Amino acid sequence: MRNNNIDTTKGDIKKNLWIMAWPIMIGNLIQVIYNMTDTYFVGQLENSTDAIAAVTVTFSVVFVLVSLAAGLGIGSATLAAQYYGAREYKKVDEVTYTSLIVIGAIALIFVAGGIIFYKQLFNLMNTPENIIPIAKDYFIIIMVGMLFMFIFFIMSGILRGIGDTKTPMIAGIVSGLINMVLDPFLIFGWGFFPELGISGAAYATVISRIFAAGYIFYVVLRGKTFLKLDLHNFKVDLNLTKQLFKIGVPSSISQAVISLGGTVIMGRVNAFGSIAMAAHGIGNRLESLLAMPTMGLAQAASSMVGQNLGAGQRDRAYKSGQYAMKSSFIILVIMGAIFAIFPSVFFEIFSNDQEVIAIGRYYIYGITLLYAFVGCRIVMSNVFQGAGAASVSMWLSLICLWVFRIPLAYALSYTPLGIKGVWLGVGLSFIVSFFFMYYFYKKGKWMDKVVVHNKELAEA
């Protein structure tokens, strides 16, 4: 298993990208499927529309909190990739120690805050009063298990940074299967299990995340990956902590504000009632399926950019991002067209409410048809982060969200289009945001932000 890591500073760029990307895609697909499994089984409950609305609003709040810590995880992956590319292998282990301790402590604070102030968070999103009691238990259970997800994110990101995308994939697959198997037993009380309803879906998710974190830790500590960790050497390196925050804080801000933007849009959706909320929630699940190939390509490109810039190979770094964008665009155009041709079919999988199905098709028309543009933007953001240009990614992402997406969504929602206007506004913002961000990508100045640079390799 030590050969799972890939040195992307050598060999064919296109081949390297796909070798790294496909395990990420499979892992992401499993995550999407088990999220959809949650939605499917919850959708079979007697109060399915309210239950799906509760899961949707919980996901929006949790995503904000997760993104704050996940941004620092991006910093870990970037540092690991650049040190690996620069051939400073011992530093990769030190990045891992520092990341687990620092990000783990921060994650605990976020988890505690989320549990204590859950009602205030729901109220900020204009959540209907009848939904809050349903969402409460689900939210708290999910938050309790969040630390294990953070550990999995950190370790997966670092392994991807050094070119090992297979180990996280295996952990994700088995974790996803555990979740899918447990869902019906815990939700409906099959066999000797109690009938827990929506809380059962939360327990299944937490149990699967505990396994994912435990598995990846076990594999690493057993020396079956490139990482050589020793529990006796776990300590915080102050210099690495500074580098981690230099990249991670802008990434955290970017992730959190983007998530907050989603919450702001969700707040507008909530104003249209539980039917719109349920349709939006199902649409989000379908959108995550579209994001699966893009995220695989984007994360692979981020690692390749980090490794190649660490080795001083700017041209390979630029071409890695360019090819990832082209591949993502083609795939998403095809997937978006399939969704648009059969919109009701996909919504019928998750809901038997005809009103939800009827309104849901407009989510497909407004967002998924234009998702190819946001796919390219996601790739560019990951490329910037892989280069260490997290601040560039942050500012561009903030502008795309708060200047384009939210104003367009809100403006069109107050027209006769109503909820359809929200989705159309989001879709139109994808196009504007793509051209805005691509202008900065073409200039190439983001490559000057590299944190680690081996001059000897660059001159070789």
Protein backbone atom coordinates (compact mmCIF):
# COMPACT_ATOMS: atom_id res chain seq x y z
CA MET A 1 0.00 0.00 0.00
CA ARG A 2 2.97 2.32 0.23
CA ASN A 3 2.78 2.67 -3.55
CA ASN A 4 -0.68 4.29 -3.42
CA ASN A 5 0.87 7.76 -3.45
CA ILE A 6 1.58 9.32 -6.86
CA ASP A 7 4.36 11.75 -7.75
CA THR A 8 2.58 14.03 -10.23
CA THR A 9 5.69 16.09 -10.96
CA LYS A 10 6.57 13.39 -13.51
CA GLY A 11 4.75 11.65 -16.33
CA ASP A 12 1.69 12.52 -18.41
CA ILE A 13 -0.45 15.25 -16.84
CA LYS A 14 -3.77 13.95 -18.16
CA LYS A 15 -3.04 10.38 -17.05
CA ASN A 16 -1.92 11.53 -13.59
CA LEU A 17 -5.05 13.64 -13.18
CA TRP A 18 -7.41 10.77 -13.91
CA ILE A 19 -5.42 8.26 -11.84
CA MET A 20 -5.80 10.62 -8.87
CA ALA A 21 -9.33 11.78 -9.67
CA TRP A 22 -11.22 8.51 -10.11
CA PRO A 23 -10.82 7.27 -6.50
CA ILE A 24 -11.93 10.70 -5.27
CA MET A 25 -14.95 10.53 -7.57
CA ILE A 26 -15.87 7.06 -6.32
CA GLY A 27 -15.48 8.20 -2.70
CA ASN A 28 -17.57 11.32 -3.38
CA LEU A 29 -20.19 9.25 -5.19
CA ILE A 30 -20.56 6.98 -2.18
CA GLN A 31 -20.94 10.03 0.07
CA VAL A 32 -23.60 11.44 -2.26
CA ILE A 33 -25.41 8.10 -2.41
CA TYR A 34 -25.54 7.76 1.34
CA ASN A 35 -26.78 11.34 1.69
CA MET A 36 -29.44 10.49 -0.86
CA THR A 37 -30.19 7.29 1.04
CA ASP A 38 -30.89 9.38 4.14
CA THR A 39 -33.23 11.59 2.11
CA TYR A 40 -34.92 8.59 0.48
CA PHE A 41 -35.70 6.77 3.73
CA VAL A 42 -36.68 9.97 5.54
CA GLY A 43 -38.97 10.65 2.59
CA GLN A 44 -40.83 7.42 3.36
CA LEU A 45 -41.87 8.64 6.82
CA GLU A 46 -45.48 9.66 7.41
CA ASN A 47 -44.57 13.34 7.78
CA SER A 48 -42.07 13.12 4.91
CA THR A 49 -42.28 16.73 3.70
CA ASP A 50 -41.59 18.19 7.15
CA ALA A 51 -38.91 15.56 7.81
CA ILE A 52 -37.06 16.36 4.57
CA ALA A 53 -37.37 20.07 5.36
CA ALA A 54 -35.79 19.40 8.79
CA VAL A 55 -32.89 17.48 7.22
CA THR A 56 -32.43 20.28 4.68
CA VAL A 57 -32.27 23.09 7.23
CA THR A 58 -29.94 21.02 9.43
CA PHE A 59 -27.62 20.40 6.51
CA SER A 60 -27.43 24.13 5.78
CA VAL A 61 -26.44 24.98 9.38
CA VAL A 62 -24.01 22.08 9.73
CA PHE A 63 -22.36 22.97 6.44
CA VAL A 64 -21.45 26.43 7.74
CA LEU A 65 -19.82 25.01 10.89
CA VAL A 66 -18.06 22.23 9.01
CA SER A 67 -16.69 24.65 6.44
CA LEU A 68 -14.92 26.71 9.10
CA ALA A 69 -12.80 23.72 10.13
CA ALA A 70 -12.66 22.21 6.64
CA GLY A 71 -10.92 25.35 5.37
CA LEU A 72 -8.00 24.63 7.68
CA GLY A 73 -8.04 21.09 6.31
CA ILE A 74 -7.44 22.60 2.87
CA GLY A 75 -4.37 24.29 4.34
CA SER A 76 -3.13 20.91 5.57
CA ALA A 77 -3.58 19.29 2.15
CA THR A 78 -1.84 22.20 0.40
CA LEU A 79 1.17 22.11 2.71
CA ALA A 80 1.42 18.32 2.44
CA ALA A 81 1.33 18.50 -1.38
CA GLN A 82 3.94 21.25 -1.61
CA TYR A 83 6.33 19.64 0.88
CA TYR A 84 5.92 16.32 -0.93
CA GLY A 85 6.64 17.95 -4.28
CA ALA A 86 9.70 19.66 -2.78
CA ARG A 87 10.90 16.24 -1.49
CA GLU A 88 10.74 17.35 2.17
CA TYR A 89 9.02 14.17 3.33
CA LYS A 90 9.59 14.55 7.08
CA LYS A 91 7.68 17.83 6.93
CA VAL A 92 4.63 15.99 5.59
CA ASP A 93 4.43 13.98 8.83
CA GLU A 94 4.88 17.16 10.89
CA VAL A 95 2.06 18.83 8.96
CA THR A 96 -0.17 15.88 9.91
CA TYR A 97 0.63 16.12 13.64
CA THR A 98 0.05 19.86 13.74
CA SER A 99 -3.15 19.71 11.71
CA LEU A 100 -4.81 17.02 13.81
CA ILE A 101 -4.12 18.84 17.09
CA VAL A 102 -4.90 22.40 15.98
CA ILE A 103 -7.91 21.69 13.76
CA GLY A 104 -9.26 19.10 16.20
CA ALA A 105 -9.30 21.67 19.02
CA ILE A 106 -11.02 24.26 16.82
CA ALA A 107 -13.56 21.69 15.66
CA LEU A 108 -14.53 20.90 19.25
CA ILE A 109 -15.27 24.59 19.86
CA PHE A 110 -17.46 24.77 16.75
CA VAL A 111 -19.33 21.61 17.70
CA ALA A 112 -20.03 22.87 21.23
CA GLY A 113 -21.17 26.24 19.90
CA GLY A 114 -23.51 24.62 17.39
CA ILE A 115 -25.16 22.46 20.04
CA ILE A 116 -25.58 25.34 22.50
CA PHE A 117 -26.93 27.86 19.99
CA TYR A 118 -28.86 25.56 17.65
CA LYS A 119 -32.17 27.41 18.07
CA GLN A 120 -30.62 30.79 17.30
CA LEU A 121 -29.03 29.31 14.17
CA PHE A 122 -32.37 27.92 12.99
CA ASN A 123 -34.12 31.22 13.68
CA LEU A 124 -31.52 33.10 11.63
CA MET A 125 -32.64 31.01 8.67
CA ASN A 126 -36.34 31.83 9.10
CA THR A 127 -37.02 28.17 9.84
CA PRO A 128 -40.77 27.58 10.36
CA GLU A 129 -41.63 26.94 14.01
CA ASN A 130 -43.12 23.52 13.26
CA ILE A 131 -39.83 22.36 11.69
CA ILE A 132 -37.48 23.33 14.56
CA PRO A 133 -38.57 20.57 17.02
CA ILE A 134 -38.22 17.96 14.27
CA ALA A 135 -34.78 19.23 13.27
CA LYS A 136 -33.44 19.65 16.83
CA ASP A 137 -32.61 16.02 17.70
CA TYR A 138 -31.30 15.28 14.21
CA PHE A 139 -29.02 18.33 14.36
CA ILE A 140 -27.60 17.61 17.83
CA ILE A 141 -26.83 13.96 17.02
CA ILE A 142 -25.06 14.98 13.80
CA MET A 143 -23.04 17.62 15.66
CA VAL A 144 -21.89 15.16 18.34
CA GLY A 145 -20.34 12.98 15.63
CA MET A 146 -18.82 15.89 13.75
CA LEU A 147 -15.32 15.55 15.27
CA PHE A 148 -14.88 12.17 13.60
CA MET A 149 -15.77 13.70 10.25
CA PHE A 150 -13.14 16.42 10.80
CA ILE A 151 -10.48 13.77 11.50
CA PHE A 152 -11.47 11.95 8.32
CA PHE A 153 -11.36 15.18 6.30
CA ILE A 154 -7.90 16.12 7.61
CA MET A 155 -6.33 12.71 7.02
CA SER A 156 -8.01 12.31 3.62
CA GLY A 157 -6.83 15.76 2.51
CA ILE A 158 -3.22 15.10 3.52
CA LEU A 159 -3.19 11.70 1.83
CA ARG A 160 -4.64 13.23 -1.34
CA GLY A 161 -1.99 15.94 -1.15
CA ILE A 162 0.76 13.33 -1.42
CA GLY A 163 -1.05 11.51 -4.20
CA ASP A 164 -2.79 8.74 -2.24
CA THR A 165 -6.46 8.93 -3.18
CA LYS A 166 -7.20 5.20 -2.79
CA THR A 167 -6.98 4.94 1.01
CA PRO A 168 -9.62 7.68 1.58
CA MET A 169 -11.75 6.05 -1.11
CA ILE A 170 -11.78 2.69 0.68
CA ALA A 171 -12.66 4.35 3.99
CA GLY A 172 -15.44 6.31 2.32
CA ILE A 173 -16.91 3.29 0.53
CA VAL A 174 -17.11 1.10 3.64
CA SER A 175 -18.40 4.03 5.72
CA GLY A 176 -21.09 4.75 3.13
CA LEU A 177 -22.18 1.12 3.01
CA ILE A 178 -22.49 1.04 6.80
CA ASN A 179 -24.68 4.14 6.70
CA MET A 180 -26.92 2.79 3.96
CA VAL A 181 -27.42 -0.54 5.74
CA LEU A 182 -28.14 1.05 9.13
CA ASP A 183 -30.58 3.69 7.81
CA PRO A 184 -33.74 1.55 7.42
CA PHE A 185 -33.04 -0.45 10.59
CA LEU A 186 -32.70 2.66 12.77
CA ILE A 187 -35.31 4.83 11.04
CA PHE A 188 -38.13 2.25 10.82
CA GLY A 189 -37.12 -0.06 13.68
CA TRP A 190 -36.43 -3.16 11.63
CA GLY A 191 -35.55 -6.32 13.57
CA PHE A 192 -34.63 -5.69 17.19
CA PHE A 193 -33.72 -2.03 16.56
CA PRO A 194 -35.94 0.74 18.01
CA GLU A 195 -37.93 2.93 15.62
CA LEU A 196 -36.09 6.26 15.84
CA GLY A 197 -37.52 8.09 12.83
CA ILE A 198 -35.45 11.00 11.58
CA SER A 199 -33.04 10.59 14.52
CA GLY A 200 -32.22 7.11 13.23
CA ALA A 201 -30.78 8.64 10.06
CA ALA A 202 -28.55 10.84 12.21
CA TYR A 203 -27.31 7.91 14.31
CA ALA A 204 -26.51 5.92 11.16
CA THR A 205 -24.48 8.84 9.82
CA VAL A 206 -22.51 9.27 13.05
CA ILE A 207 -21.70 5.56 13.34
CA SER A 208 -20.44 5.48 9.75
CA ARG A 209 -18.25 8.54 10.34
CA ILE A 210 -16.71 6.98 13.45
CA PHE A 211 -15.75 3.99 11.33
CA ALA A 212 -14.28 6.15 8.54
CA ALA A 213 -12.06 8.07 10.97
CA GLY A 214 -11.05 4.90 12.80
CA TYR A 215 -10.18 3.02 9.61
CA ILE A 216 -8.02 5.74 8.08
CA PHE A 217 -6.20 6.26 11.39
CA TYR A 218 -5.60 2.52 11.73
CA VAL A 219 -4.16 2.24 8.22
CA VAL A 220 -1.83 5.22 8.71
CA LEU A 221 -0.59 4.18 12.16
CA ARG A 222 0.07 0.66 10.89
CA GLY A 223 2.50 2.17 8.39
CA LYS A 224 0.49 1.08 5.34
CA THR A 225 0.64 4.50 3.66
CA PHE A 226 3.46 6.88 2.77
CA LEU A 227 2.91 8.69 6.07
CA LYS A 228 5.07 7.46 8.96
CA LEU A 229 3.25 8.63 12.06
CA ASP A 230 4.22 7.86 15.64
CA LEU A 231 1.85 8.70 18.50
CA HIS A 232 4.88 9.64 20.64
CA ASN A 233 5.80 12.42 18.19
CA PHE A 234 2.41 14.14 18.18
CA LYS A 235 3.16 17.80 18.81
CA VAL A 236 2.40 21.23 17.39
CA ASP A 237 5.02 22.94 15.21
CA LEU A 238 4.53 26.71 15.59
CA ASN A 239 6.01 27.56 12.19
CA LEU A 240 3.77 25.02 10.46
CA THR A 241 0.83 26.34 12.46
CA LYS A 242 1.49 29.81 11.02
CA GLN A 243 1.68 28.39 7.50
CA LEU A 244 -1.47 26.37 8.15
CA PHE A 245 -3.37 29.48 9.23
CA LYS A 246 -1.93 31.54 6.37
CA ILE A 247 -3.56 29.19 3.89
CA GLY A 248 -6.31 27.76 6.06
CA VAL A 249 -7.88 30.93 7.48
CA PRO A 250 -8.71 32.46 4.07
CA SER A 251 -9.95 29.03 2.97
CA SER A 252 -12.08 28.76 6.12
CA ILE A 253 -13.49 32.23 5.60
CA SER A 254 -14.19 31.41 1.97
CA GLN A 255 -15.83 28.08 2.82
CA ALA A 256 -17.84 29.52 5.71
CA VAL A 257 -19.05 32.60 3.84
CA ILE A 258 -20.02 30.49 0.84
CA SER A 259 -21.91 28.21 3.22
CA LEU A 260 -23.42 31.24 4.92
CA GLY A 261 -24.48 32.47 1.51
CA GLY A 262 -26.22 29.15 0.97
CA THR A 263 -27.91 29.66 4.32
CA VAL A 264 -29.01 33.16 3.27
CA ILE A 265 -30.51 31.73 0.10
CA MET A 266 -32.09 28.95 2.16
CA GLY A 267 -33.64 31.65 4.33
CA ARG A 268 -35.33 33.10 1.26
CA VAL A 269 -36.45 29.61 0.19
CA ASN A 270 -37.91 29.02 3.66
CA ALA A 271 -40.18 32.03 3.18
CA PHE A 272 -42.04 30.04 0.51
CA GLY A 273 -42.94 27.23 2.94
CA SER A 274 -42.19 23.55 3.50
CA ILE A 275 -43.00 22.50 -0.09
CA ALA A 276 -40.30 24.80 -1.45
CA MET A 277 -37.93 23.76 1.35
CA ALA A 278 -38.37 20.07 0.55
CA ALA A 279 -37.90 20.68 -3.19
CA HIS A 280 -34.78 22.74 -2.50
CA GLY A 281 -33.40 20.01 -0.23
CA ILE A 282 -33.91 17.30 -2.84
CA GLY A 283 -32.43 19.62 -5.46
CA ASN A 284 -29.36 20.07 -3.28
CA ARG A 285 -28.92 16.29 -3.14
CA LEU A 286 -29.16 16.07 -6.92
CA GLU A 287 -26.74 18.97 -7.25
CA SER A 288 -24.27 17.12 -5.05
CA LEU A 289 -24.40 14.27 -7.58
CA LEU A 290 -23.39 16.75 -10.28
CA ALA A 291 -20.59 18.06 -8.09
CA MET A 292 -19.14 14.58 -7.63
CA PRO A 293 -17.00 14.42 -10.83
CA THR A 294 -16.07 18.09 -10.51
CA MET A 295 -14.86 17.71 -6.94
CA GLY A 296 -12.81 14.67 -7.92
CA LEU A 297 -11.10 16.59 -10.71
CA ALA A 298 -10.77 19.74 -8.60
CA GLN A 299 -9.18 18.00 -5.61
CA ALA A 300 -6.85 16.01 -7.86
CA ALA A 301 -5.85 19.21 -9.67
CA SER A 302 -5.26 20.97 -6.34
CA SER A 303 -2.82 18.24 -5.25
CA MET A 304 -1.09 18.24 -8.63
CA VAL A 305 -0.71 22.02 -8.57
CA GLY A 306 0.70 21.88 -5.03
CA GLN A 307 3.19 19.14 -5.88
CA ASN A 308 4.35 20.75 -9.13
CA LEU A 309 4.73 24.23 -7.68
CA GLY A 310 6.63 22.71 -4.75
CA ALA A 311 8.96 21.19 -7.34
CA GLY A 312 9.15 24.53 -9.19
CA GLN A 313 7.26 23.32 -12.29
CA ARG A 314 4.87 26.18 -13.01
CA ASP A 315 3.92 25.09 -16.52
CA ARG A 316 2.78 21.64 -15.36
CA ALA A 317 0.81 23.25 -12.54
CA TYR A 318 -1.05 25.57 -14.95
CA LYS A 319 -1.79 22.80 -17.45
CA SER A 320 -3.12 20.55 -14.67
CA GLY A 321 -5.77 23.12 -13.78
CA GLN A 322 -6.61 23.83 -17.41
CA TYR A 323 -7.21 20.18 -18.28
CA ALA A 324 -9.27 19.60 -15.12
CA MET A 325 -11.55 22.50 -16.07
CA LYS A 326 -12.12 21.25 -19.61
CA SER A 327 -12.90 17.73 -18.40
CA SER A 328 -15.31 19.01 -15.75
CA PHE A 329 -17.18 21.22 -18.21
CA ILE A 330 -17.79 18.42 -20.72
CA ILE A 331 -18.97 15.95 -18.07
CA LEU A 332 -21.37 18.43 -16.44
CA VAL A 333 -22.92 19.54 -19.73
CA ILE A 334 -23.85 15.90 -20.40
CA MET A 335 -25.13 15.26 -16.86
CA GLY A 336 -27.09 18.53 -16.79
CA ALA A 337 -28.83 17.62 -20.04
CA ILE A 338 -29.88 14.22 -18.65
CA PHE A 339 -31.33 15.85 -15.53
CA ALA A 340 -33.21 18.41 -17.64
CA ILE A 341 -34.75 15.75 -19.90
CA PHE A 342 -36.09 13.71 -16.95
CA PRO A 343 -36.57 16.24 -14.12
CA SER A 344 -39.62 14.72 -12.44
CA VAL A 345 -38.13 11.21 -12.46
CA PHE A 346 -35.29 12.26 -10.16
CA PHE A 347 -37.58 14.05 -7.70
CA GLU A 348 -39.99 11.10 -7.56
CA ILE A 349 -37.17 8.98 -6.12
CA PHE A 350 -37.12 11.10 -2.96
CA SER A 351 -40.68 12.30 -2.49
CA ASN A 352 -44.23 11.13 -3.13
CA ASP A 353 -45.60 14.66 -2.65
CA GLN A 354 -46.85 15.80 -6.06
CA GLU A 355 -46.47 19.48 -5.17
CA VAL A 356 -42.78 18.96 -4.33
CA ILE A 357 -42.25 17.03 -7.57
CA ALA A 358 -44.04 19.67 -9.65
CA ILE A 359 -42.07 22.63 -8.30
CA GLY A 360 -38.79 20.68 -8.15
CA ARG A 361 -38.38 20.52 -11.92
CA TYR A 362 -37.70 24.27 -11.92
CA TYR A 363 -34.70 23.68 -9.67
CA ILE A 364 -33.36 21.44 -12.43
CA TYR A 365 -34.05 24.04 -15.14
CA GLY A 366 -32.60 26.93 -13.14
CA ILE A 367 -29.50 25.36 -11.59
CA THR A 368 -28.39 21.99 -12.94
CA LEU A 369 -28.51 23.00 -16.62
CA LEU A 370 -25.95 25.71 -15.90
CA TYR A 371 -23.87 23.76 -13.38
CA ALA A 372 -21.02 23.24 -15.87
CA PHE A 373 -20.00 26.86 -15.26
CA VAL A 374 -19.87 26.53 -11.49
CA GLY A 375 -17.95 23.28 -11.99
CA CYS A 376 -15.14 25.22 -13.66
CA ARG A 377 -15.23 27.79 -10.87
CA ILE A 378 -14.86 25.01 -8.29
CA VAL A 379 -11.81 23.69 -10.14
CA MET A 380 -10.24 27.16 -10.23
CA SER A 381 -10.84 27.71 -6.52
CA ASN A 382 -9.15 24.41 -5.71
CA VAL A 383 -6.25 25.21 -8.00
CA PHE A 384 -5.72 28.57 -6.27
CA GLN A 385 -5.78 26.84 -2.88
CA GLY A 386 -3.35 24.16 -4.03
CA ALA A 387 -0.95 26.92 -5.02
CA GLY A 388 -1.22 28.52 -1.59
CA ALA A 389 -3.17 31.46 -3.04
CA ALA A 390 -6.03 30.94 -0.61
CA SER A 391 -6.59 34.69 -0.18
CA VAL A 392 -7.10 35.06 -3.95
CA SER A 393 -9.63 32.22 -3.91
CA MET A 394 -11.35 33.77 -0.90
CA TRP A 395 -11.86 37.24 -2.38
CA LEU A 396 -12.98 35.96 -5.76
CA SER A 397 -15.41 33.50 -4.15
CA LEU A 398 -16.84 36.20 -1.88
CA ILE A 399 -17.44 38.52 -4.82
CA CYS A 400 -19.04 35.75 -6.88
CA LEU A 401 -21.38 34.92 -4.02
CA TRP A 402 -22.31 38.27 -2.49
CA VAL A 403 -22.17 40.46 -5.61
CA PHE A 404 -23.62 38.03 -8.14
CA ARG A 405 -25.43 34.98 -6.69
CA ILE A 406 -27.35 36.32 -3.69
CA PRO A 407 -28.49 39.61 -5.29
CA LEU A 408 -29.69 37.79 -8.42
CA ALA A 409 -31.50 35.09 -6.42
CA TYR A 410 -33.23 37.60 -4.14
CA ALA A 411 -34.09 40.06 -6.91
CA LEU A 412 -35.75 37.42 -9.08
CA SER A 413 -37.55 35.88 -6.10
CA TYR A 414 -39.55 39.09 -5.65
CA THR A 415 -40.83 38.92 -9.22
CA PRO A 416 -43.85 36.81 -10.22
CA LEU A 417 -41.39 33.91 -10.59
CA GLY A 418 -41.28 33.49 -6.80
CA ILE A 419 -39.29 30.42 -5.72
CA LYS A 420 -38.45 29.73 -9.38
CA GLY A 421 -36.71 33.10 -9.43
CA VAL A 422 -34.40 32.02 -6.60
CA TRP A 423 -33.19 29.04 -8.60
CA LEU A 424 -32.93 30.94 -11.88
CA GLY A 425 -30.92 33.70 -10.17
CA VAL A 426 -28.48 31.16 -8.75
CA GLY A 427 -28.07 29.55 -12.17
CA LEU A 428 -27.42 32.85 -13.95
CA SER A 429 -24.82 33.78 -11.33
CA PHE A 430 -22.85 30.65 -12.30
CA ILE A 431 -22.20 32.07 -15.77
CA VAL A 432 -21.16 35.52 -14.56
CA SER A 433 -18.93 34.07 -11.83
CA PHE A 434 -17.12 31.77 -14.25
CA PHE A 435 -15.99 34.54 -16.60
CA PHE A 436 -15.07 36.79 -13.67
CA MET A 437 -12.84 34.15 -12.03
CA TYR A 438 -11.33 32.86 -15.29
CA TYR A 439 -9.91 36.31 -16.02
CA PHE A 440 -7.74 36.03 -12.90
CA TYR A 441 -6.84 32.41 -13.61
CA LYS A 442 -5.49 33.28 -17.07
CA LYS A 443 -3.19 35.95 -15.62
CA GLY A 444 -1.33 33.25 -13.66
CA LYS A 445 -0.23 35.43 -10.75
CA TRP A 446 -1.74 32.95 -8.30
CA MET A 447 1.31 30.72 -8.88
CA ASP A 448 3.51 33.32 -7.17
CA LYS A 449 1.86 32.51 -3.81
CA VAL A 450 3.52 29.08 -3.41
CA VAL A 451 4.60 28.46 0.22
CA VAL A 452 7.21 25.73 -0.37
CA HIS A 453 9.58 25.85 -3.34
CA ASN A 454 12.56 23.57 -4.03
CA LYS A 455 14.85 25.70 -6.20
CA GLU A 456 17.21 22.81 -6.94
CA LEU A 457 14.39 20.76 -8.46
CA ALA A 458 13.18 23.75 -10.48
CA GLU A 459 16.65 24.25 -11.97
CA ALA A 460 17.22 20.54 -12.65
